[in-house]
């Protein structure tokens, strides 16, 4: 399947929120939607889900207008939309029925997902008795309840501790492996890079950069290297003494940002580190 947004525009009053947004997402891969608050990400997502219509442009699935009644869509919103005073399993069954599932089918799917998310023991609990991170996991179970073909994840890692974030990472990878279309909206580029082959960056309602992450990276200067290790002093001294291949050295988020004189000097810097026996934990293009 291929989901395509074609030149979407949207105004609210006199404010134009989208100014011709276009992108394509395919089965078996994830598309990352990036942008600051107010860039147009949520409006784009709501148009895809047909919460409201664009002023112009359209959304197609395999070249035909997207019909949300004919395709299963799972949406994990940034803001939680469950009932805090209701029993968890009870409301998951309710949401499953709203999506056309039989109660027995919804219960079976809900329990399977709760167990997968390590939340099976909480099925009879009220939502408001859980931590913020565990409530996020219940929201994810509701999102995946009817085995959606298109999965939209808006800031899915919000409130998750490292252990639960790793569990969610595994689930996102499984969705991609099972040929789902995944739209992944986040402010955190490290998650986008981990899951997404392609990105679309929104700014002021426009797509300002899109395409393959790998190709975009290759199009930029690759002569800046981030270095870190147990002995940062030794790393800095070595880099500063390598004036033939290094033009400058500065600090960057606890590591070193090394500006090479040429992109071809990466191998030379690695050989120098090995020859001098200076231990390092990180060596990557910035």
C-alpha atoms as a PDB file:
ATOM      1  CA  UNK A   1       0.000   0.000   0.000  1.00  0.00           C
ATOM      2  CA  UNK A   2       1.022   3.594  -0.579  1.00  0.00           C
ATOM      3  CA  UNK A   3      -0.448   6.529   1.315  1.00  0.00           C
ATOM      4  CA  UNK A   4       0.005   9.896  -0.381  1.00  0.00           C
ATOM      5  CA  UNK A   5      -0.800  13.420   0.751  1.00  0.00           C
ATOM      6  CA  UNK A   6      -1.204  15.678  -2.260  1.00  0.00           C
ATOM      7  CA  UNK A   7      -0.708  19.444  -1.823  1.00  0.00           C
ATOM      8  CA  UNK A   8      -2.754  19.758   1.375  1.00  0.00           C
ATOM      9  CA  UNK A   9      -3.794  23.264   2.405  1.00  0.00           C
ATOM     10  CA  UNK A  10      -5.778  24.280   5.462  1.00  0.00           C
ATOM     11  CA  UNK A  11      -6.824  27.587   6.999  1.00  0.00           C
ATOM     12  CA  UNK A  12      -8.400  28.277  10.370  1.00  0.00           C
ATOM     13  CA  UNK A  13      -9.933  31.691  10.072  1.00  0.00           C
ATOM     14  CA  UNK A  14      -7.307  33.969   8.575  1.00  0.00           C
ATOM     15  CA  UNK A  15      -4.398  31.727   9.628  1.00  0.00           C
ATOM     16  CA  UNK A  16      -3.085  29.353   6.966  1.00  0.00           C
ATOM     17  CA  UNK A  17      -1.805  26.292   8.800  1.00  0.00           C
ATOM     18  CA  UNK A  18      -0.874  24.103   5.804  1.00  0.00           C
ATOM     19  CA  UNK A  19       0.504  25.521   2.553  1.00  0.00           C
ATOM     20  CA  UNK A  20       0.653  22.602   0.136  1.00  0.00           C
ATOM     21  CA  UNK A  21       1.927  19.654   2.186  1.00  0.00           C
ATOM     22  CA  UNK A  22       2.821  16.563   0.135  1.00  0.00           C
ATOM     23  CA  UNK A  23       4.459  13.276   1.131  1.00  0.00           C
ATOM     24  CA  UNK A  24       4.266   9.536   0.492  1.00  0.00           C
ATOM     25  CA  UNK A  25       4.381   6.653   3.003  1.00  0.00           C
ATOM     26  CA  UNK A  26       4.658   3.004   1.990  1.00  0.00           C
ATOM     27  CA  UNK A  27       3.867  -0.376   3.542  1.00  0.00           C
ATOM     28  CA  UNK A  28       6.732  -1.920   5.453  1.00  0.00           C
ATOM     29  CA  UNK A  29       8.399   1.390   6.247  1.00  0.00           C
ATOM     30  CA  UNK A  30       7.982   4.393   8.503  1.00  0.00           C
ATOM     31  CA  UNK A  31       7.771   8.033   7.501  1.00  0.00           C
ATOM     32  CA  UNK A  32       8.927  10.554  10.088  1.00  0.00           C
ATOM     33  CA  UNK A  33       7.014  13.822  10.359  1.00  0.00           C
ATOM     34  CA  UNK A  34       9.251  16.394  12.017  1.00  0.00           C
ATOM     35  CA  UNK A  35       8.651  19.965  13.051  1.00  0.00           C
ATOM     36  CA  UNK A  36       8.283  22.282  15.986  1.00  0.00           C
ATOM     37  CA  UNK A  37       4.982  22.892  17.747  1.00  0.00           C
ATOM     38  CA  UNK A  38       2.730  24.787  15.351  1.00  0.00           C
ATOM     39  CA  UNK A  39       4.516  23.530  12.243  1.00  0.00           C
ATOM     40  CA  UNK A  40       1.404  21.687  11.007  1.00  0.00           C
ATOM     41  CA  UNK A  41       2.085  18.070  12.011  1.00  0.00           C
ATOM     42  CA  UNK A  42      -1.114  17.496  13.994  1.00  0.00           C
ATOM     43  CA  UNK A  43      -3.275  19.248  11.401  1.00  0.00           C
ATOM     44  CA  UNK A  44      -1.763  17.014   8.710  1.00  0.00           C
ATOM     45  CA  UNK A  45      -2.454  13.907  10.782  1.00  0.00           C
ATOM     46  CA  UNK A  46      -6.055  14.928  11.397  1.00  0.00           C
ATOM     47  CA  UNK A  47      -6.614  15.469   7.685  1.00  0.00           C
ATOM     48  CA  UNK A  48      -5.196  12.010   6.937  1.00  0.00           C
ATOM     49  CA  UNK A  49      -7.653  10.580   9.486  1.00  0.00           C
ATOM     50  CA  UNK A  50     -10.485  12.709   8.011  1.00  0.00           C
ATOM     51  CA  UNK A  51     -11.209  14.384  11.330  1.00  0.00           C
ATOM     52  CA  UNK A  52     -11.623  17.370   9.062  1.00  0.00           C
ATOM     53  CA  UNK A  53     -11.115  17.994   5.358  1.00  0.00           C
ATOM     54  CA  UNK A  54      -8.393  20.055   3.689  1.00  0.00           C
ATOM     55  CA  UNK A  55      -9.300  23.291   1.941  1.00  0.00           C
ATOM     56  CA  UNK A  56      -7.549  21.881  -1.118  1.00  0.00           C
ATOM     57  CA  UNK A  57      -5.523  18.801  -1.964  1.00  0.00           C
ATOM     58  CA  UNK A  58      -6.359  15.236  -1.006  1.00  0.00           C
ATOM     59  CA  UNK A  59      -5.106  12.027   0.584  1.00  0.00           C
ATOM     60  CA  UNK A  60      -4.984   8.849  -1.494  1.00  0.00           C
ATOM     61  CA  UNK A  61      -4.298   5.189  -0.810  1.00  0.00           C
ATOM     62  CA  UNK A  62      -2.865   3.343  -3.790  1.00  0.00           C
ATOM     63  CA  UNK A  63      -3.974   6.199  -6.034  1.00  0.00           C
ATOM     64  CA  UNK A  64      -7.586   6.289  -4.858  1.00  0.00           C
ATOM     65  CA  UNK A  65      -9.184   8.691  -2.362  1.00  0.00           C
ATOM     66  CA  UNK A  66      -8.595   7.368   1.147  1.00  0.00           C
ATOM     67  CA  UNK A  67     -11.790   5.889   2.617  1.00  0.00           C
ATOM     68  CA  UNK A  68     -11.349   5.530   6.381  1.00  0.00           C
ATOM     69  CA  UNK A  69     -14.361   3.188   6.467  1.00  0.00           C
ATOM     70  CA  UNK A  70     -12.569   0.707   4.227  1.00  0.00           C
ATOM     71  CA  UNK A  71      -9.117   0.723   5.828  1.00  0.00           C
ATOM     72  CA  UNK A  72      -8.131   0.179   9.464  1.00  0.00           C
ATOM     73  CA  UNK A  73      -6.283   3.135  11.005  1.00  0.00           C
ATOM     74  CA  UNK A  74      -4.715   3.167  14.453  1.00  0.00           C
ATOM     75  CA  UNK A  75      -3.910   6.547  15.999  1.00  0.00           C
ATOM     76  CA  UNK A  76      -1.839   7.157  19.109  1.00  0.00           C
ATOM     77  CA  UNK A  77      -2.403  10.827  20.021  1.00  0.00           C
ATOM     78  CA  UNK A  78       0.076  12.940  21.945  1.00  0.00           C
ATOM     79  CA  UNK A  79      -2.709  13.788  24.387  1.00  0.00           C
ATOM     80  CA  UNK A  80      -4.334  10.745  25.967  1.00  0.00           C
ATOM     81  CA  UNK A  81      -7.949  10.053  25.051  1.00  0.00           C
ATOM     82  CA  UNK A  82      -8.994   7.237  27.383  1.00  0.00           C
ATOM     83  CA  UNK A  83     -11.377   7.259  30.355  1.00  0.00           C
ATOM     84  CA  UNK A  84      -9.440   7.596  33.640  1.00  0.00           C
ATOM     85  CA  UNK A  85     -12.209   6.227  35.898  1.00  0.00           C
ATOM     86  CA  UNK A  86     -13.050   3.186  33.765  1.00  0.00           C
ATOM     87  CA  UNK A  87     -11.652  -0.343  34.017  1.00  0.00           C
ATOM     88  CA  UNK A  88      -8.902  -0.842  31.441  1.00  0.00           C
ATOM     89  CA  UNK A  89     -10.159  -4.045  29.804  1.00  0.00           C
ATOM     90  CA  UNK A  90     -13.738  -2.776  29.773  1.00  0.00           C
ATOM     91  CA  UNK A  91     -12.874   0.358  27.836  1.00  0.00           C
ATOM     92  CA  UNK A  92     -10.535  -1.477  25.445  1.00  0.00           C
ATOM     93  CA  UNK A  93     -13.431  -3.788  24.547  1.00  0.00           C
ATOM     94  CA  UNK A  94     -15.635  -0.727  24.078  1.00  0.00           C
ATOM     95  CA  UNK A  95     -13.137   0.878  21.703  1.00  0.00           C
ATOM     96  CA  UNK A  96     -12.856  -2.392  19.794  1.00  0.00           C
ATOM     97  CA  UNK A  97     -16.641  -2.515  19.331  1.00  0.00           C
ATOM     98  CA  UNK A  98     -16.616   1.081  18.082  1.00  0.00           C
ATOM     99  CA  UNK A  99     -14.254  -0.138  15.355  1.00  0.00           C
ATOM    100  CA  UNK A 100     -16.556  -2.948  14.303  1.00  0.00           C
ATOM    101  CA  UNK A 101     -15.093  -5.793  16.362  1.00  0.00           C
ATOM    102  CA  UNK A 102     -17.216  -8.316  18.233  1.00  0.00           C
ATOM    103  CA  UNK A 103     -16.902  -8.048  22.012  1.00  0.00           C
ATOM    104  CA  UNK A 104     -15.242 -11.476  22.251  1.00  0.00           C
ATOM    105  CA  UNK A 105     -12.810 -10.593  19.468  1.00  0.00           C
ATOM    106  CA  UNK A 106     -11.988  -7.249  21.095  1.00  0.00           C
ATOM    107  CA  UNK A 107     -11.406  -8.901  24.475  1.00  0.00           C
ATOM    108  CA  UNK A 108      -9.044 -11.482  22.978  1.00  0.00           C
ATOM    109  CA  UNK A 109      -7.076  -8.794  21.119  1.00  0.00           C
ATOM    110  CA  UNK A 110      -6.972  -6.539  24.190  1.00  0.00           C
ATOM    111  CA  UNK A 111      -5.616  -9.281  26.453  1.00  0.00           C
ATOM    112  CA  UNK A 112      -3.007 -10.266  23.868  1.00  0.00           C
ATOM    113  CA  UNK A 113      -1.800  -6.678  23.610  1.00  0.00           C
ATOM    114  CA  UNK A 114      -1.848  -6.131  27.371  1.00  0.00           C
ATOM    115  CA  UNK A 115       0.325  -9.212  27.834  1.00  0.00           C
ATOM    116  CA  UNK A 116       2.649  -8.061  25.044  1.00  0.00           C
ATOM    117  CA  UNK A 117       2.975  -4.703  26.789  1.00  0.00           C
ATOM    118  CA  UNK A 118       3.544  -6.391  30.178  1.00  0.00           C
ATOM    119  CA  UNK A 119       0.268  -4.953  31.443  1.00  0.00           C
ATOM    120  CA  UNK A 120      -1.876  -8.091  31.723  1.00  0.00           C
ATOM    121  CA  UNK A 121      -2.091  -7.901  35.527  1.00  0.00           C
ATOM    122  CA  UNK A 122      -3.685  -4.443  35.274  1.00  0.00           C
ATOM    123  CA  UNK A 123      -6.628  -5.431  33.040  1.00  0.00           C
ATOM    124  CA  UNK A 124      -9.181  -5.024  35.862  1.00  0.00           C
ATOM    125  CA  UNK A 125      -7.634  -1.786  37.193  1.00  0.00           C
ATOM    126  CA  UNK A 126      -8.878   1.741  36.559  1.00  0.00           C
ATOM    127  CA  UNK A 127      -6.723   3.787  34.222  1.00  0.00           C
ATOM    128  CA  UNK A 128      -6.106   6.564  36.758  1.00  0.00           C
ATOM    129  CA  UNK A 129      -4.389   4.108  39.121  1.00  0.00           C
ATOM    130  CA  UNK A 130      -1.499   3.703  36.656  1.00  0.00           C
ATOM    131  CA  UNK A 131       1.650   5.744  36.168  1.00  0.00           C
ATOM    132  CA  UNK A 132       1.916   8.125  33.216  1.00  0.00           C
ATOM    133  CA  UNK A 133       4.143   5.678  31.330  1.00  0.00           C
ATOM    134  CA  UNK A 134       1.792   2.743  31.882  1.00  0.00           C
ATOM    135  CA  UNK A 135      -1.177   4.858  30.762  1.00  0.00           C
ATOM    136  CA  UNK A 136       0.750   5.484  27.541  1.00  0.00           C
ATOM    137  CA  UNK A 137       1.071   1.723  27.068  1.00  0.00           C
ATOM    138  CA  UNK A 138      -2.689   1.291  27.487  1.00  0.00           C
ATOM    139  CA  UNK A 139      -3.200   4.027  24.887  1.00  0.00           C
ATOM    140  CA  UNK A 140      -0.919   2.053  22.546  1.00  0.00           C
ATOM    141  CA  UNK A 141      -2.985  -1.100  23.139  1.00  0.00           C
ATOM    142  CA  UNK A 142      -6.112   0.862  22.144  1.00  0.00           C
ATOM    143  CA  UNK A 143      -4.307   2.078  19.021  1.00  0.00           C
ATOM    144  CA  UNK A 144      -3.398  -1.430  17.849  1.00  0.00           C
ATOM    145  CA  UNK A 145      -6.571  -3.186  18.982  1.00  0.00           C
ATOM    146  CA  UNK A 146      -8.054  -3.883  15.538  1.00  0.00           C
ATOM    147  CA  UNK A 147      -4.741  -4.715  13.805  1.00  0.00           C
ATOM    148  CA  UNK A 148      -4.622  -1.447  11.819  1.00  0.00           C
ATOM    149  CA  UNK A 149      -3.119  -1.260   8.350  1.00  0.00           C
ATOM    150  CA  UNK A 150      -2.068   2.368   8.873  1.00  0.00           C
ATOM    151  CA  UNK A 151      -0.538   3.288  12.233  1.00  0.00           C
ATOM    152  CA  UNK A 152      -0.073   6.940  13.218  1.00  0.00           C
ATOM    153  CA  UNK A 153       2.113   7.545  16.270  1.00  0.00           C
ATOM    154  CA  UNK A 154       2.222  11.108  17.615  1.00  0.00           C
ATOM    155  CA  UNK A 155       5.037  11.519  20.189  1.00  0.00           C
ATOM    156  CA  UNK A 156       4.695   7.849  21.268  1.00  0.00           C
ATOM    157  CA  UNK A 157       7.660   7.918  23.676  1.00  0.00           C
ATOM    158  CA  UNK A 158       6.201  10.689  25.834  1.00  0.00           C
ATOM    159  CA  UNK A 159       6.338   9.679  29.510  1.00  0.00           C
ATOM    160  CA  UNK A 160       8.086   6.340  28.959  1.00  0.00           C
ATOM    161  CA  UNK A 161      11.069   5.270  31.031  1.00  0.00           C
ATOM    162  CA  UNK A 162      14.044   3.615  29.245  1.00  0.00           C
ATOM    163  CA  UNK A 163      12.748   0.052  29.785  1.00  0.00           C
ATOM    164  CA  UNK A 164       9.292   0.809  28.400  1.00  0.00           C
ATOM    165  CA  UNK A 165      10.809   2.890  25.595  1.00  0.00           C
ATOM    166  CA  UNK A 166      12.771  -0.208  24.539  1.00  0.00           C
ATOM    167  CA  UNK A 167       9.554  -2.268  24.581  1.00  0.00           C
ATOM    168  CA  UNK A 168       7.824   0.289  22.376  1.00  0.00           C
ATOM    169  CA  UNK A 169      10.803   0.308  19.999  1.00  0.00           C
ATOM    170  CA  UNK A 170      10.391  -3.467  19.563  1.00  0.00           C
ATOM    171  CA  UNK A 171       6.682  -3.052  18.811  1.00  0.00           C
ATOM    172  CA  UNK A 172       7.300  -0.316  16.229  1.00  0.00           C
ATOM    173  CA  UNK A 173       9.861  -2.538  14.506  1.00  0.00           C
ATOM    174  CA  UNK A 174       7.288  -5.363  14.480  1.00  0.00           C
ATOM    175  CA  UNK A 175       4.701  -3.102  12.858  1.00  0.00           C
ATOM    176  CA  UNK A 176       7.156  -2.249  10.088  1.00  0.00           C
ATOM    177  CA  UNK A 177       8.099  -5.912   9.624  1.00  0.00           C
ATOM    178  CA  UNK A 178       4.392  -6.778   9.297  1.00  0.00           C
ATOM    179  CA  UNK A 179       4.053  -4.398   6.326  1.00  0.00           C
ATOM    180  CA  UNK A 180       2.107  -1.667   8.086  1.00  0.00           C
ATOM    181  CA  UNK A 181       2.237   1.945   6.937  1.00  0.00           C
ATOM    182  CA  UNK A 182       3.681   3.858   9.893  1.00  0.00           C
ATOM    183  CA  UNK A 183       3.550   7.644  10.268  1.00  0.00           C
ATOM    184  CA  UNK A 184       5.821   8.647  13.107  1.00  0.00           C
ATOM    185  CA  UNK A 185       5.622  12.175  14.497  1.00  0.00           C
ATOM    186  CA  UNK A 186       8.211  13.214  17.054  1.00  0.00           C
ATOM    187  CA  UNK A 187      10.432  16.055  18.203  1.00  0.00           C
ATOM    188  CA  UNK A 188      13.201  13.532  18.977  1.00  0.00           C
ATOM    189  CA  UNK A 189      15.411  12.968  15.959  1.00  0.00           C
ATOM    190  CA  UNK A 190      17.114   9.919  17.485  1.00  0.00           C
ATOM    191  CA  UNK A 191      13.823   7.988  17.361  1.00  0.00           C
ATOM    192  CA  UNK A 192      13.081   9.180  13.832  1.00  0.00           C
ATOM    193  CA  UNK A 193      16.501   8.001  12.679  1.00  0.00           C
ATOM    194  CA  UNK A 194      16.020   4.606  14.315  1.00  0.00           C
ATOM    195  CA  UNK A 195      12.680   3.769  12.679  1.00  0.00           C
ATOM    196  CA  UNK A 196      12.265   5.861   9.572  1.00  0.00           C
ATOM    197  CA  UNK A 197      13.684   5.462   6.083  1.00  0.00           C
ATOM    198  CA  UNK A 198      12.172   8.767   4.953  1.00  0.00           C
ATOM    199  CA  UNK A 199      11.347  12.057   6.620  1.00  0.00           C
ATOM    200  CA  UNK A 200       9.261  15.134   5.919  1.00  0.00           C
ATOM    201  CA  UNK A 201      10.172  18.251   7.894  1.00  0.00           C
ATOM    202  CA  UNK A 202       7.437  20.867   8.306  1.00  0.00           C
ATOM    203  CA  UNK A 203       8.005  24.523   9.079  1.00  0.00           C
ATOM    204  CA  UNK A 204       5.240  27.097   9.056  1.00  0.00           C
ATOM    205  CA  UNK A 205       2.906  24.743   7.182  1.00  0.00           C
ATOM    206  CA  UNK A 206       5.413  23.936   4.416  1.00  0.00           C
ATOM    207  CA  UNK A 207       7.509  20.852   3.770  1.00  0.00           C
ATOM    208  CA  UNK A 208      11.000  22.360   3.862  1.00  0.00           C
ATOM    209  CA  UNK A 209      12.931  19.082   3.514  1.00  0.00           C
ATOM    210  CA  UNK A 210      11.887  15.556   2.604  1.00  0.00           C
ATOM    211  CA  UNK A 211      13.236  12.306   1.229  1.00  0.00           C
ATOM    212  CA  UNK A 212      15.518   9.464   2.295  1.00  0.00           C
ATOM    213  CA  UNK A 213      17.357  10.130   5.563  1.00  0.00           C
ATOM    214  CA  UNK A 214      20.418   8.386   4.149  1.00  0.00           C
ATOM    215  CA  UNK A 215      20.471  10.502   1.002  1.00  0.00           C
ATOM    216  CA  UNK A 216      19.830  13.717   2.934  1.00  0.00           C
ATOM    217  CA  UNK A 217      22.744  12.975   5.241  1.00  0.00           C
ATOM    218  CA  UNK A 218      25.022  12.231   2.316  1.00  0.00           C
ATOM    219  CA  UNK A 219      24.136  15.565   0.735  1.00  0.00           C
ATOM    220  CA  UNK A 220      25.518  17.490   3.717  1.00  0.00           C
ATOM    221  CA  UNK A 221      29.087  18.120   4.842  1.00  0.00           C
ATOM    222  CA  UNK A 222      30.455  14.879   6.318  1.00  0.00           C
ATOM    223  CA  UNK A 223      33.799  16.243   7.453  1.00  0.00           C
ATOM    224  CA  UNK A 224      32.670  16.946  11.028  1.00  0.00           C
ATOM    225  CA  UNK A 225      33.233  14.093  13.486  1.00  0.00           C
ATOM    226  CA  UNK A 226      31.913  13.650  17.012  1.00  0.00           C
ATOM    227  CA  UNK A 227      34.385  11.896  19.324  1.00  0.00           C
ATOM    228  CA  UNK A 228      33.936  10.740  22.897  1.00  0.00           C
ATOM    229  CA  UNK A 229      35.691   8.312  25.214  1.00  0.00           C
ATOM    230  CA  UNK A 230      36.788   7.639  28.794  1.00  0.00           C
ATOM    231  CA  UNK A 231      39.761  10.024  28.565  1.00  0.00           C
ATOM    232  CA  UNK A 232      38.468  13.154  26.876  1.00  0.00           C
ATOM    233  CA  UNK A 233      41.691  15.021  27.604  1.00  0.00           C
ATOM    234  CA  UNK A 234      43.751  12.497  25.639  1.00  0.00           C
ATOM    235  CA  UNK A 235      41.275  12.598  22.755  1.00  0.00           C
ATOM    236  CA  UNK A 236      41.423  16.377  22.626  1.00  0.00           C
ATOM    237  CA  UNK A 237      45.220  16.502  22.725  1.00  0.00           C
ATOM    238  CA  UNK A 238      45.486  13.979  19.901  1.00  0.00           C
ATOM    239  CA  UNK A 239      42.943  15.830  17.743  1.00  0.00           C
ATOM    240  CA  UNK A 240      44.592  19.208  18.344  1.00  0.00           C
ATOM    241  CA  UNK A 241      48.008  17.821  17.445  1.00  0.00           C
ATOM    242  CA  UNK A 242      46.725  16.348  14.166  1.00  0.00           C
ATOM    243  CA  UNK A 243      46.874  19.693  12.373  1.00  0.00           C
ATOM    244  CA  UNK A 244      47.500  18.102   8.973  1.00  0.00           C
ATOM    245  CA  UNK A 245      44.014  16.599   8.930  1.00  0.00           C
ATOM    246  CA  UNK A 246      42.126  18.542  11.662  1.00  0.00           C
ATOM    247  CA  UNK A 247      41.287  22.241  11.311  1.00  0.00           C
ATOM    248  CA  UNK A 248      39.451  22.796  14.616  1.00  0.00           C
ATOM    249  CA  UNK A 249      38.294  21.051  17.807  1.00  0.00           C
ATOM    250  CA  UNK A 250      35.422  22.137  20.066  1.00  0.00           C
ATOM    251  CA  UNK A 251      33.219  20.672  22.786  1.00  0.00           C
ATOM    252  CA  UNK A 252      29.815  19.224  21.854  1.00  0.00           C
ATOM    253  CA  UNK A 253      27.355  17.686  24.353  1.00  0.00           C
ATOM    254  CA  UNK A 254      30.067  16.126  26.489  1.00  0.00           C
ATOM    255  CA  UNK A 255      32.131  15.025  23.484  1.00  0.00           C
ATOM    256  CA  UNK A 256      34.371  16.652  20.912  1.00  0.00           C
ATOM    257  CA  UNK A 257      33.349  18.090  17.566  1.00  0.00           C
ATOM    258  CA  UNK A 258      36.316  17.632  15.244  1.00  0.00           C
ATOM    259  CA  UNK A 259      36.346  19.548  11.954  1.00  0.00           C
ATOM    260  CA  UNK A 260      38.444  17.671   9.390  1.00  0.00           C
ATOM    261  CA  UNK A 261      40.188  19.468   6.563  1.00  0.00           C
ATOM    262  CA  UNK A 262      38.667  16.982   4.110  1.00  0.00           C
ATOM    263  CA  UNK A 263      35.945  14.338   4.211  1.00  0.00           C
ATOM    264  CA  UNK A 264      38.623  11.828   3.111  1.00  0.00           C
ATOM    265  CA  UNK A 265      40.507  12.419   6.390  1.00  0.00           C
ATOM    266  CA  UNK A 266      38.087  10.297   8.467  1.00  0.00           C
ATOM    267  CA  UNK A 267      40.163   7.172   7.844  1.00  0.00           C
ATOM    268  CA  UNK A 268      43.328   9.072   8.753  1.00  0.00           C
ATOM    269  CA  UNK A 269      41.849  10.153  12.083  1.00  0.00           C
ATOM    270  CA  UNK A 270      40.817   6.579  12.846  1.00  0.00           C
ATOM    271  CA  UNK A 271      44.311   5.291  12.028  1.00  0.00           C
ATOM    272  CA  UNK A 272      45.815   7.944  14.277  1.00  0.00           C
ATOM    273  CA  UNK A 273      43.573   6.949  17.175  1.00  0.00           C
ATOM    274  CA  UNK A 274      44.521   3.303  16.726  1.00  0.00           C
ATOM    275  CA  UNK A 275      48.233   4.031  16.375  1.00  0.00           C
ATOM    276  CA  UNK A 276      48.301   6.138  19.549  1.00  0.00           C
ATOM    277  CA  UNK A 277      46.193   3.631  21.478  1.00  0.00           C
ATOM    278  CA  UNK A 278      43.680   6.292  22.577  1.00  0.00           C
ATOM    279  CA  UNK A 279      40.455   4.588  23.606  1.00  0.00           C
ATOM    280  CA  UNK A 280      37.175   5.996  22.242  1.00  0.00           C
ATOM    281  CA  UNK A 281      33.509   5.042  22.586  1.00  0.00           C
ATOM    282  CA  UNK A 282      32.018   7.174  19.823  1.00  0.00           C
ATOM    283  CA  UNK A 283      33.201   8.127  16.351  1.00  0.00           C
ATOM    284  CA  UNK A 284      30.438   9.400  14.076  1.00  0.00           C
ATOM    285  CA  UNK A 285      29.690  11.948  11.444  1.00  0.00           C
ATOM    286  CA  UNK A 286      27.895  14.949  12.943  1.00  0.00           C
END
